[in-house]
Amino acid sequence: MQAADSDIEFFTFSLFVLLVSAVSVQRKKKEAERERERDREREREEKECRNERRTHTRARTQLQIDLILISSSITASTVDLMSSLLLQKMPKRKTDKAYVLDKKKHLARLNINEGGKVLLKRGEGKLEKQFRMNCMGCGLFVCYRSEEDLEAASFIYVVDGSLSTVAAETNPQDAPVPPCISQLEGGLVQVAIEVEDRAQRSAITRVNADDVRVSVAAPAARGEANNELLEFMGKVLGLRLSQMTLQRGWNNKSKLLVVEDLSARQVYEKLLEAVQP
């Protein structure tokens, strides 16, 4: 009887060891698969970076279009502008009010340089990839596409206000609100900020089409930088902390500031007044 009990115990123990070993092997397989997936993701990111670098170094591609073009020399160099009337007939995106140019229906000749790839945070945590194009004459961000290959892109998105009006160097307040300051639903305004950390003091050093550069004393990786940024922006915009929300941007040093009770134009003018190069 004791021998039978001993055999049962040995069999039970052996079965337990086998089960533990099987679970361990399965766990190692899953970890190895996750590691391979991470490696593949890193390879994809590296490939995208290499492609982006090649995009910046190759000859700039130009579009051939039959839209009516007019010429203006409001800025230091001559800029080709689309007719406002033609733009107004095009559909607009809901997210940023950009005009949608269907390449199957229209042709256009834009004197542009590639402006690089930008990732924007949209609603519900979604990321939008934009391949931007800048005016060859003045460098302003005027349009973008969702495909890296310009020829393969079905649509070109023309930034609202970028081609019908351009910034006047003599009076920046008369310029249209740049794309980095966007009007959201519900009366909110979103500001794309590039944080320059470890500075001597808090200051706004640049406002351009892509972002608002703000210097802070604290390191960007710490929470103190966020607190310093919010307090400083509150002073610049004349808002309380409860009227502002700070969100993560597209990299470690970028932030998205969402403010209440101000229009995009008001935010833009207050930021311009506070710029200290």
C-alpha atoms as a PDB file:
ATOM      1  CA  MET A   1       0.000   0.000   0.000  1.00  0.00           C
ATOM      2  CA  GLN A   2       2.805   2.391   0.919  1.00  0.00           C
ATOM      3  CA  ALA A   3       4.604   1.534  -2.308  1.00  0.00           C
ATOM      4  CA  ALA A   4       1.473   2.372  -4.321  1.00  0.00           C
ATOM      5  CA  ASP A   5       1.108   5.692  -2.506  1.00  0.00           C
ATOM      6  CA  SER A   6       4.762   6.451  -3.179  1.00  0.00           C
ATOM      7  CA  ASP A   7       4.307   5.722  -6.886  1.00  0.00           C
ATOM      8  CA  ILE A   8       1.280   8.011  -7.021  1.00  0.00           C
ATOM      9  CA  GLU A   9       3.189  10.813  -5.299  1.00  0.00           C
ATOM     10  CA  PHE A  10       6.126  10.366  -7.664  1.00  0.00           C
ATOM     11  CA  PHE A  11       3.811  10.395 -10.679  1.00  0.00           C
ATOM     12  CA  THR A  12       2.029  13.507  -9.399  1.00  0.00           C
ATOM     13  CA  PHE A  13       5.312  15.292  -8.778  1.00  0.00           C
ATOM     14  CA  SER A  14       6.624  14.321 -12.208  1.00  0.00           C
ATOM     15  CA  LEU A  15       3.437  15.587 -13.842  1.00  0.00           C
ATOM     16  CA  PHE A  16       3.734  18.866 -11.940  1.00  0.00           C
ATOM     17  CA  VAL A  17       7.348  19.296 -13.086  1.00  0.00           C
ATOM     18  CA  LEU A  18       6.312  18.643 -16.686  1.00  0.00           C
ATOM     19  CA  LEU A  19       3.513  21.205 -16.470  1.00  0.00           C
ATOM     20  CA  VAL A  20       5.849  23.821 -14.973  1.00  0.00           C
ATOM     21  CA  SER A  21       8.404  23.132 -17.689  1.00  0.00           C
ATOM     22  CA  ALA A  22       5.757  23.419 -20.409  1.00  0.00           C
ATOM     23  CA  VAL A  23       4.512  26.732 -19.014  1.00  0.00           C
ATOM     24  CA  SER A  24       8.084  28.014 -18.779  1.00  0.00           C
ATOM     25  CA  VAL A  25       8.817  27.006 -22.375  1.00  0.00           C
ATOM     26  CA  GLN A  26       5.610  28.661 -23.573  1.00  0.00           C
ATOM     27  CA  ARG A  27       6.438  31.848 -21.678  1.00  0.00           C
ATOM     28  CA  LYS A  28       9.930  31.930 -23.181  1.00  0.00           C
ATOM     29  CA  LYS A  29       8.452  31.471 -26.658  1.00  0.00           C
ATOM     30  CA  LYS A  30       6.099  34.409 -26.111  1.00  0.00           C
ATOM     31  CA  GLU A  31       8.940  36.588 -24.784  1.00  0.00           C
ATOM     32  CA  ALA A  32      11.089  35.648 -27.779  1.00  0.00           C
ATOM     33  CA  GLU A  33       8.228  36.505 -30.152  1.00  0.00           C
ATOM     34  CA  ARG A  34       7.706  39.874 -28.441  1.00  0.00           C
ATOM     35  CA  GLU A  35      11.435  40.576 -28.711  1.00  0.00           C
ATOM     36  CA  ARG A  36      11.392  39.698 -32.412  1.00  0.00           C
ATOM     37  CA  GLU A  37       8.395  42.017 -32.890  1.00  0.00           C
ATOM     38  CA  ARG A  38      10.268  44.835 -31.130  1.00  0.00           C
ATOM     39  CA  ASP A  39      13.270  44.209 -33.385  1.00  0.00           C
ATOM     40  CA  ARG A  40      11.035  44.352 -36.461  1.00  0.00           C
ATOM     41  CA  GLU A  41       9.473  47.593 -35.220  1.00  0.00           C
ATOM     42  CA  ARG A  42      12.927  49.117 -34.669  1.00  0.00           C
ATOM     43  CA  GLU A  43      13.949  48.053 -38.174  1.00  0.00           C
ATOM     44  CA  ARG A  44      10.817  49.671 -39.617  1.00  0.00           C
ATOM     45  CA  GLU A  45      11.524  52.911 -37.728  1.00  0.00           C
ATOM     46  CA  GLU A  46      15.159  52.921 -38.887  1.00  0.00           C
ATOM     47  CA  LYS A  47      14.028  52.318 -42.466  1.00  0.00           C
ATOM     48  CA  GLU A  48      11.576  55.241 -42.237  1.00  0.00           C
ATOM     49  CA  CYS A  49      14.358  57.470 -40.907  1.00  0.00           C
ATOM     50  CA  ARG A  50      16.649  56.460 -43.773  1.00  0.00           C
ATOM     51  CA  ASN A  51      13.885  57.102 -46.294  1.00  0.00           C
ATOM     52  CA  GLU A  52      13.207  60.504 -44.740  1.00  0.00           C
ATOM     53  CA  ARG A  53      16.881  61.452 -44.974  1.00  0.00           C
ATOM     54  CA  ARG A  54      16.919  60.429 -48.627  1.00  0.00           C
ATOM     55  CA  THR A  55      13.813  62.540 -49.183  1.00  0.00           C
ATOM     56  CA  HIS A  56      15.610  65.598 -47.805  1.00  0.00           C
ATOM     57  CA  THR A  57      18.737  65.095 -49.905  1.00  0.00           C
ATOM     58  CA  ARG A  58      17.272  64.269 -53.295  1.00  0.00           C
ATOM     59  CA  ALA A  59      16.156  66.897 -55.810  1.00  0.00           C
ATOM     60  CA  ARG A  60      12.922  68.610 -54.830  1.00  0.00           C
ATOM     61  CA  THR A  61       9.867  67.437 -56.726  1.00  0.00           C
ATOM     62  CA  GLN A  62       7.450  69.978 -58.164  1.00  0.00           C
ATOM     63  CA  LEU A  63       3.791  69.517 -58.991  1.00  0.00           C
ATOM     64  CA  GLN A  64       2.384  70.423 -62.376  1.00  0.00           C
ATOM     65  CA  ILE A  65      -1.079  71.968 -62.059  1.00  0.00           C
ATOM     66  CA  ASP A  66      -3.540  73.920 -64.130  1.00  0.00           C
ATOM     67  CA  LEU A  67      -5.036  75.995 -61.305  1.00  0.00           C
ATOM     68  CA  ILE A  68      -4.912  79.751 -61.825  1.00  0.00           C
ATOM     69  CA  LEU A  69      -1.861  81.177 -60.078  1.00  0.00           C
ATOM     70  CA  ILE A  70      -1.338  84.752 -59.034  1.00  0.00           C
ATOM     71  CA  SER A  71       1.879  86.380 -57.902  1.00  0.00           C
ATOM     72  CA  SER A  72       2.444  88.410 -54.764  1.00  0.00           C
ATOM     73  CA  SER A  73       5.542  90.011 -53.280  1.00  0.00           C
ATOM     74  CA  ILE A  74       4.219  90.735 -49.798  1.00  0.00           C
ATOM     75  CA  THR A  75       7.166  88.859 -48.270  1.00  0.00           C
ATOM     76  CA  ALA A  76      10.832  89.362 -49.062  1.00  0.00           C
ATOM     77  CA  SER A  77      10.640  87.022 -52.050  1.00  0.00           C
ATOM     78  CA  THR A  78       7.946  86.427 -54.643  1.00  0.00           C
ATOM     79  CA  VAL A  79       5.488  83.690 -53.705  1.00  0.00           C
ATOM     80  CA  ASP A  80       3.123  81.851 -56.010  1.00  0.00           C
ATOM     81  CA  LEU A  81      -0.389  81.947 -54.564  1.00  0.00           C
ATOM     82  CA  MET A  82      -3.531  80.071 -55.494  1.00  0.00           C
ATOM     83  CA  SER A  83      -6.652  82.032 -56.269  1.00  0.00           C
ATOM     84  CA  SER A  84      -8.736  82.381 -53.106  1.00  0.00           C
ATOM     85  CA  LEU A  85     -11.876  81.771 -55.132  1.00  0.00           C
ATOM     86  CA  LEU A  86     -10.606  78.400 -56.358  1.00  0.00           C
ATOM     87  CA  LEU A  87      -9.590  77.394 -52.849  1.00  0.00           C
ATOM     88  CA  GLN A  88     -13.007  78.244 -51.450  1.00  0.00           C
ATOM     89  CA  LYS A  89     -14.636  75.810 -53.869  1.00  0.00           C
ATOM     90  CA  MET A  90     -12.628  72.890 -52.520  1.00  0.00           C
ATOM     91  CA  PRO A  91     -13.819  70.698 -49.616  1.00  0.00           C
ATOM     92  CA  LYS A  92     -12.176  71.190 -46.228  1.00  0.00           C
ATOM     93  CA  ARG A  93     -11.000  68.736 -43.590  1.00  0.00           C
ATOM     94  CA  LYS A  94     -12.844  68.713 -40.286  1.00  0.00           C
ATOM     95  CA  THR A  95      -9.673  68.346 -38.213  1.00  0.00           C
ATOM     96  CA  ASP A  96      -7.683  71.404 -39.296  1.00  0.00           C
ATOM     97  CA  LYS A  97      -9.894  73.079 -41.969  1.00  0.00           C
ATOM     98  CA  ALA A  98      -7.248  72.435 -44.645  1.00  0.00           C
ATOM     99  CA  TYR A  99      -8.467  72.509 -48.251  1.00  0.00           C
ATOM    100  CA  VAL A 100      -8.511  69.086 -49.929  1.00  0.00           C
ATOM    101  CA  LEU A 101      -6.989  69.066 -53.413  1.00  0.00           C
ATOM    102  CA  ASP A 102      -7.937  65.887 -55.303  1.00  0.00           C
ATOM    103  CA  LYS A 103      -5.112  65.208 -57.757  1.00  0.00           C
ATOM    104  CA  LYS A 104      -7.464  63.179 -59.955  1.00  0.00           C
ATOM    105  CA  LYS A 105      -9.629  66.261 -60.531  1.00  0.00           C
ATOM    106  CA  HIS A 106      -7.086  69.080 -60.402  1.00  0.00           C
ATOM    107  CA  LEU A 107      -3.518  69.737 -61.396  1.00  0.00           C
ATOM    108  CA  ALA A 108      -1.430  72.367 -59.669  1.00  0.00           C
ATOM    109  CA  ARG A 109       2.030  73.870 -59.962  1.00  0.00           C
ATOM    110  CA  LEU A 110       3.393  74.720 -56.556  1.00  0.00           C
ATOM    111  CA  ASN A 111       6.919  76.003 -56.026  1.00  0.00           C
ATOM    112  CA  ILE A 112       7.620  73.928 -52.933  1.00  0.00           C
ATOM    113  CA  ASN A 113      10.430  72.338 -50.955  1.00  0.00           C
ATOM    114  CA  GLU A 114       9.954  69.203 -48.869  1.00  0.00           C
ATOM    115  CA  GLY A 115       9.382  70.193 -45.241  1.00  0.00           C
ATOM    116  CA  GLY A 116       9.885  66.784 -43.615  1.00  0.00           C
ATOM    117  CA  LYS A 117       7.617  64.376 -41.756  1.00  0.00           C
ATOM    118  CA  VAL A 118       5.598  65.441 -38.716  1.00  0.00           C
ATOM    119  CA  LEU A 119       3.447  63.331 -36.367  1.00  0.00           C
ATOM    120  CA  LEU A 120       0.408  65.098 -34.911  1.00  0.00           C
ATOM    121  CA  LYS A 121      -1.777  63.863 -32.069  1.00  0.00           C
ATOM    122  CA  ARG A 122      -5.443  63.876 -32.978  1.00  0.00           C
ATOM    123  CA  GLY A 123      -8.583  62.897 -31.054  1.00  0.00           C
ATOM    124  CA  GLU A 124      -8.930  59.532 -29.292  1.00  0.00           C
ATOM    125  CA  GLY A 125      -5.155  59.129 -29.073  1.00  0.00           C
ATOM    126  CA  LYS A 126      -4.716  58.753 -32.831  1.00  0.00           C
ATOM    127  CA  LEU A 127      -1.546  59.909 -34.570  1.00  0.00           C
ATOM    128  CA  GLU A 128      -1.597  61.561 -37.977  1.00  0.00           C
ATOM    129  CA  LYS A 129       1.444  61.481 -40.245  1.00  0.00           C
ATOM    130  CA  GLN A 130       2.028  64.559 -42.403  1.00  0.00           C
ATOM    131  CA  PHE A 131       4.655  64.997 -45.111  1.00  0.00           C
ATOM    132  CA  ARG A 132       4.879  68.764 -45.268  1.00  0.00           C
ATOM    133  CA  MET A 133       5.737  71.077 -48.145  1.00  0.00           C
ATOM    134  CA  ASN A 134       7.067  74.609 -47.756  1.00  0.00           C
ATOM    135  CA  CYS A 135       6.993  77.528 -50.173  1.00  0.00           C
ATOM    136  CA  MET A 136      10.257  77.596 -52.133  1.00  0.00           C
ATOM    137  CA  GLY A 137      10.372  81.377 -52.036  1.00  0.00           C
ATOM    138  CA  CYS A 138       9.689  82.229 -48.389  1.00  0.00           C
ATOM    139  CA  GLY A 139       9.860  78.882 -46.575  1.00  0.00           C
ATOM    140  CA  LEU A 140       6.309  79.046 -45.207  1.00  0.00           C
ATOM    141  CA  PHE A 141       4.496  75.759 -44.548  1.00  0.00           C
ATOM    142  CA  VAL A 142       1.706  75.768 -47.147  1.00  0.00           C
ATOM    143  CA  CYS A 143       0.491  72.200 -47.717  1.00  0.00           C
ATOM    144  CA  TYR A 144       0.990  68.559 -46.789  1.00  0.00           C
ATOM    145  CA  ARG A 145       0.179  65.019 -47.870  1.00  0.00           C
ATOM    146  CA  SER A 146      -0.325  61.697 -46.066  1.00  0.00           C
ATOM    147  CA  GLU A 147       1.910  59.633 -48.374  1.00  0.00           C
ATOM    148  CA  GLU A 148       5.694  59.941 -48.460  1.00  0.00           C
ATOM    149  CA  ASP A 149       5.793  59.502 -52.245  1.00  0.00           C
ATOM    150  CA  LEU A 150       4.463  62.702 -53.770  1.00  0.00           C
ATOM    151  CA  GLU A 151       3.403  60.988 -56.980  1.00  0.00           C
ATOM    152  CA  ALA A 152       1.489  58.270 -55.089  1.00  0.00           C
ATOM    153  CA  ALA A 153      -0.407  60.739 -52.884  1.00  0.00           C
ATOM    154  CA  SER A 154      -4.054  61.006 -53.966  1.00  0.00           C
ATOM    155  CA  PHE A 155      -4.702  64.240 -52.084  1.00  0.00           C
ATOM    156  CA  ILE A 156      -2.809  67.409 -51.260  1.00  0.00           C
ATOM    157  CA  TYR A 157      -4.024  69.323 -48.188  1.00  0.00           C
ATOM    158  CA  VAL A 158      -3.600  73.101 -48.468  1.00  0.00           C
ATOM    159  CA  VAL A 159      -3.321  74.858 -45.099  1.00  0.00           C
ATOM    160  CA  ASP A 160      -6.158  77.319 -44.586  1.00  0.00           C
ATOM    161  CA  GLY A 161      -4.876  80.871 -45.054  1.00  0.00           C
ATOM    162  CA  SER A 162      -1.377  79.881 -46.168  1.00  0.00           C
ATOM    163  CA  LEU A 163      -1.833  80.603 -49.878  1.00  0.00           C
ATOM    164  CA  SER A 164      -4.565  83.227 -49.950  1.00  0.00           C
ATOM    165  CA  THR A 165      -2.629  85.405 -47.513  1.00  0.00           C
ATOM    166  CA  VAL A 166       1.015  85.357 -46.488  1.00  0.00           C
ATOM    167  CA  ALA A 167       2.764  86.873 -43.494  1.00  0.00           C
ATOM    168  CA  ALA A 168       3.859  90.476 -43.799  1.00  0.00           C
ATOM    169  CA  GLU A 169       7.295  90.970 -42.312  1.00  0.00           C
ATOM    170  CA  THR A 170       6.552  94.578 -41.432  1.00  0.00           C
ATOM    171  CA  ASN A 171       3.551  93.687 -39.263  1.00  0.00           C
ATOM    172  CA  PRO A 172       3.422  90.036 -38.092  1.00  0.00           C
ATOM    173  CA  GLN A 173       0.112  90.653 -36.295  1.00  0.00           C
ATOM    174  CA  ASP A 174      -1.538  90.971 -39.720  1.00  0.00           C
ATOM    175  CA  ALA A 175      -0.386  87.481 -40.713  1.00  0.00           C
ATOM    176  CA  PRO A 176      -2.785  84.525 -40.561  1.00  0.00           C
ATOM    177  CA  VAL A 177      -2.635  82.333 -37.465  1.00  0.00           C
ATOM    178  CA  PRO A 178       0.063  79.683 -38.094  1.00  0.00           C
ATOM    179  CA  PRO A 179      -0.899  75.981 -38.241  1.00  0.00           C
ATOM    180  CA  CYS A 180       0.813  75.282 -34.900  1.00  0.00           C
ATOM    181  CA  ILE A 181      -2.066  77.191 -33.241  1.00  0.00           C
ATOM    182  CA  SER A 182      -5.306  75.454 -34.166  1.00  0.00           C
ATOM    183  CA  GLN A 183      -8.933  75.992 -33.205  1.00  0.00           C
ATOM    184  CA  LEU A 184     -10.563  72.845 -31.784  1.00  0.00           C
ATOM    185  CA  GLU A 185     -14.185  71.952 -31.228  1.00  0.00           C
ATOM    186  CA  GLY A 186     -15.873  73.375 -28.161  1.00  0.00           C
ATOM    187  CA  GLY A 187     -14.018  76.685 -28.318  1.00  0.00           C
ATOM    188  CA  LEU A 188     -10.662  75.180 -27.340  1.00  0.00           C
ATOM    189  CA  VAL A 189      -7.330  76.174 -28.878  1.00  0.00           C
ATOM    190  CA  GLN A 190      -4.368  73.816 -29.259  1.00  0.00           C
ATOM    191  CA  VAL A 191      -0.777  75.087 -29.351  1.00  0.00           C
ATOM    192  CA  ALA A 192       2.121  72.889 -30.514  1.00  0.00           C
ATOM    193  CA  ILE A 193       5.120  73.663 -28.297  1.00  0.00           C
ATOM    194  CA  GLU A 194       8.779  72.717 -28.589  1.00  0.00           C
ATOM    195  CA  VAL A 195      10.400  72.809 -25.148  1.00  0.00           C
ATOM    196  CA  GLU A 196      13.993  74.019 -24.861  1.00  0.00           C
ATOM    197  CA  ASP A 197      15.048  72.904 -21.379  1.00  0.00           C
ATOM    198  CA  ARG A 198      17.923  73.839 -19.054  1.00  0.00           C
ATOM    199  CA  ALA A 199      17.687  77.499 -20.044  1.00  0.00           C
ATOM    200  CA  GLN A 200      18.523  80.433 -17.789  1.00  0.00           C
ATOM    201  CA  ARG A 201      14.889  81.525 -17.613  1.00  0.00           C
ATOM    202  CA  SER A 202      11.451  80.867 -19.038  1.00  0.00           C
ATOM    203  CA  ALA A 203      10.847  82.629 -22.349  1.00  0.00           C
ATOM    204  CA  ILE A 204       9.156  82.330 -25.740  1.00  0.00           C
ATOM    205  CA  THR A 205      11.949  82.413 -28.309  1.00  0.00           C
ATOM    206  CA  ARG A 206      10.156  81.596 -31.572  1.00  0.00           C
ATOM    207  CA  VAL A 207       6.723  81.370 -33.177  1.00  0.00           C
ATOM    208  CA  ASN A 208       6.610  79.814 -36.640  1.00  0.00           C
ATOM    209  CA  ALA A 209       4.370  77.548 -38.705  1.00  0.00           C
ATOM    210  CA  ASP A 210       5.465  74.315 -37.020  1.00  0.00           C
ATOM    211  CA  ASP A 211       5.603  75.175 -33.325  1.00  0.00           C
ATOM    212  CA  VAL A 212       6.073  77.695 -30.550  1.00  0.00           C
ATOM    213  CA  ARG A 213       9.485  77.323 -28.936  1.00  0.00           C
ATOM    214  CA  VAL A 214       9.479  77.885 -25.174  1.00  0.00           C
ATOM    215  CA  SER A 215      12.591  77.732 -22.999  1.00  0.00           C
ATOM    216  CA  VAL A 216      12.379  76.512 -19.395  1.00  0.00           C
ATOM    217  CA  ALA A 217      14.991  76.147 -16.670  1.00  0.00           C
ATOM    218  CA  ALA A 218      14.043  72.632 -15.526  1.00  0.00           C
ATOM    219  CA  PRO A 219      15.067  69.465 -17.444  1.00  0.00           C
ATOM    220  CA  ALA A 220      12.360  68.438 -19.915  1.00  0.00           C
ATOM    221  CA  ALA A 221      12.315  64.840 -18.663  1.00  0.00           C
ATOM    222  CA  ARG A 222      11.121  65.873 -15.191  1.00  0.00           C
ATOM    223  CA  GLY A 223       7.712  66.942 -13.998  1.00  0.00           C
ATOM    224  CA  GLU A 224       9.082  70.294 -12.853  1.00  0.00           C
ATOM    225  CA  ALA A 225       9.432  71.352 -16.491  1.00  0.00           C
ATOM    226  CA  ASN A 226       5.715  70.778 -17.114  1.00  0.00           C
ATOM    227  CA  ASN A 227       4.783  72.807 -14.045  1.00  0.00           C
ATOM    228  CA  GLU A 228       7.159  75.608 -15.050  1.00  0.00           C
ATOM    229  CA  LEU A 229       5.791  75.580 -18.601  1.00  0.00           C
ATOM    230  CA  LEU A 230       2.167  75.770 -17.445  1.00  0.00           C
ATOM    231  CA  GLU A 231       2.838  78.594 -14.992  1.00  0.00           C
ATOM    232  CA  PHE A 232       4.775  80.589 -17.593  1.00  0.00           C
ATOM    233  CA  MET A 233       2.175  80.103 -20.340  1.00  0.00           C
ATOM    234  CA  GLY A 234      -0.523  81.101 -17.882  1.00  0.00           C
ATOM    235  CA  LYS A 235       1.256  84.429 -17.318  1.00  0.00           C
ATOM    236  CA  VAL A 236       1.761  84.999 -21.058  1.00  0.00           C
ATOM    237  CA  LEU A 237      -1.841  84.188 -21.975  1.00  0.00           C
ATOM    238  CA  GLY A 238      -3.426  85.645 -18.852  1.00  0.00           C
ATOM    239  CA  LEU A 239      -5.052  82.327 -17.917  1.00  0.00           C
ATOM    240  CA  ARG A 240      -5.432  80.282 -14.751  1.00  0.00           C
ATOM    241  CA  LEU A 241      -3.994  76.770 -14.510  1.00  0.00           C
ATOM    242  CA  SER A 242      -7.538  75.387 -14.562  1.00  0.00           C
ATOM    243  CA  GLN A 243      -8.005  76.896 -18.045  1.00  0.00           C
ATOM    244  CA  MET A 244      -5.058  75.001 -19.536  1.00  0.00           C
ATOM    245  CA  THR A 245      -4.231  71.349 -20.184  1.00  0.00           C
ATOM    246  CA  LEU A 246      -0.788  70.048 -21.145  1.00  0.00           C
ATOM    247  CA  GLN A 247      -0.547  66.895 -23.266  1.00  0.00           C
ATOM    248  CA  ARG A 248       2.308  64.848 -24.682  1.00  0.00           C
ATOM    249  CA  GLY A 249       3.521  65.773 -28.151  1.00  0.00           C
ATOM    250  CA  TRP A 250       5.308  63.848 -30.893  1.00  0.00           C
ATOM    251  CA  ASN A 251       8.631  63.481 -29.037  1.00  0.00           C
ATOM    252  CA  ASN A 252      10.181  63.996 -25.600  1.00  0.00           C
ATOM    253  CA  LYS A 253      10.584  67.754 -26.006  1.00  0.00           C
ATOM    254  CA  SER A 254       7.256  68.556 -27.634  1.00  0.00           C
ATOM    255  CA  LYS A 255       3.998  69.386 -25.866  1.00  0.00           C
ATOM    256  CA  LEU A 256       0.441  70.178 -26.862  1.00  0.00           C
ATOM    257  CA  LEU A 257      -1.126  72.968 -24.818  1.00  0.00           C
ATOM    258  CA  VAL A 258      -4.931  73.147 -24.898  1.00  0.00           C
ATOM    259  CA  VAL A 259      -6.408  76.417 -23.604  1.00  0.00           C
ATOM    260  CA  GLU A 260      -9.911  77.676 -22.888  1.00  0.00           C
ATOM    261  CA  ASP A 261     -11.644  81.050 -23.228  1.00  0.00           C
ATOM    262  CA  LEU A 262      -9.347  82.445 -25.946  1.00  0.00           C
ATOM    263  CA  SER A 263      -9.539  82.355 -29.732  1.00  0.00           C
ATOM    264  CA  ALA A 264      -6.659  81.153 -31.889  1.00  0.00           C
ATOM    265  CA  ARG A 265      -6.042  84.742 -33.021  1.00  0.00           C
ATOM    266  CA  GLN A 266      -5.886  85.993 -29.412  1.00  0.00           C
ATOM    267  CA  VAL A 267      -3.446  83.237 -28.462  1.00  0.00           C
ATOM    268  CA  TYR A 268      -1.270  84.032 -31.484  1.00  0.00           C
ATOM    269  CA  GLU A 269      -1.123  87.758 -30.746  1.00  0.00           C
ATOM    270  CA  LYS A 270      -0.290  87.205 -27.062  1.00  0.00           C
ATOM    271  CA  LEU A 271       2.498  84.797 -28.003  1.00  0.00           C
ATOM    272  CA  LEU A 272       3.933  87.236 -30.558  1.00  0.00           C
ATOM    273  CA  GLU A 273       4.008  90.011 -27.963  1.00  0.00           C
ATOM    274  CA  ALA A 274       5.936  87.763 -25.570  1.00  0.00           C
ATOM    275  CA  VAL A 275       8.622  86.580 -28.028  1.00  0.00           C
ATOM    276  CA  GLN A 276      12.161  87.249 -26.784  1.00  0.00           C
ATOM    277  CA  PRO A 277      14.692  85.946 -29.351  1.00  0.00           C
END
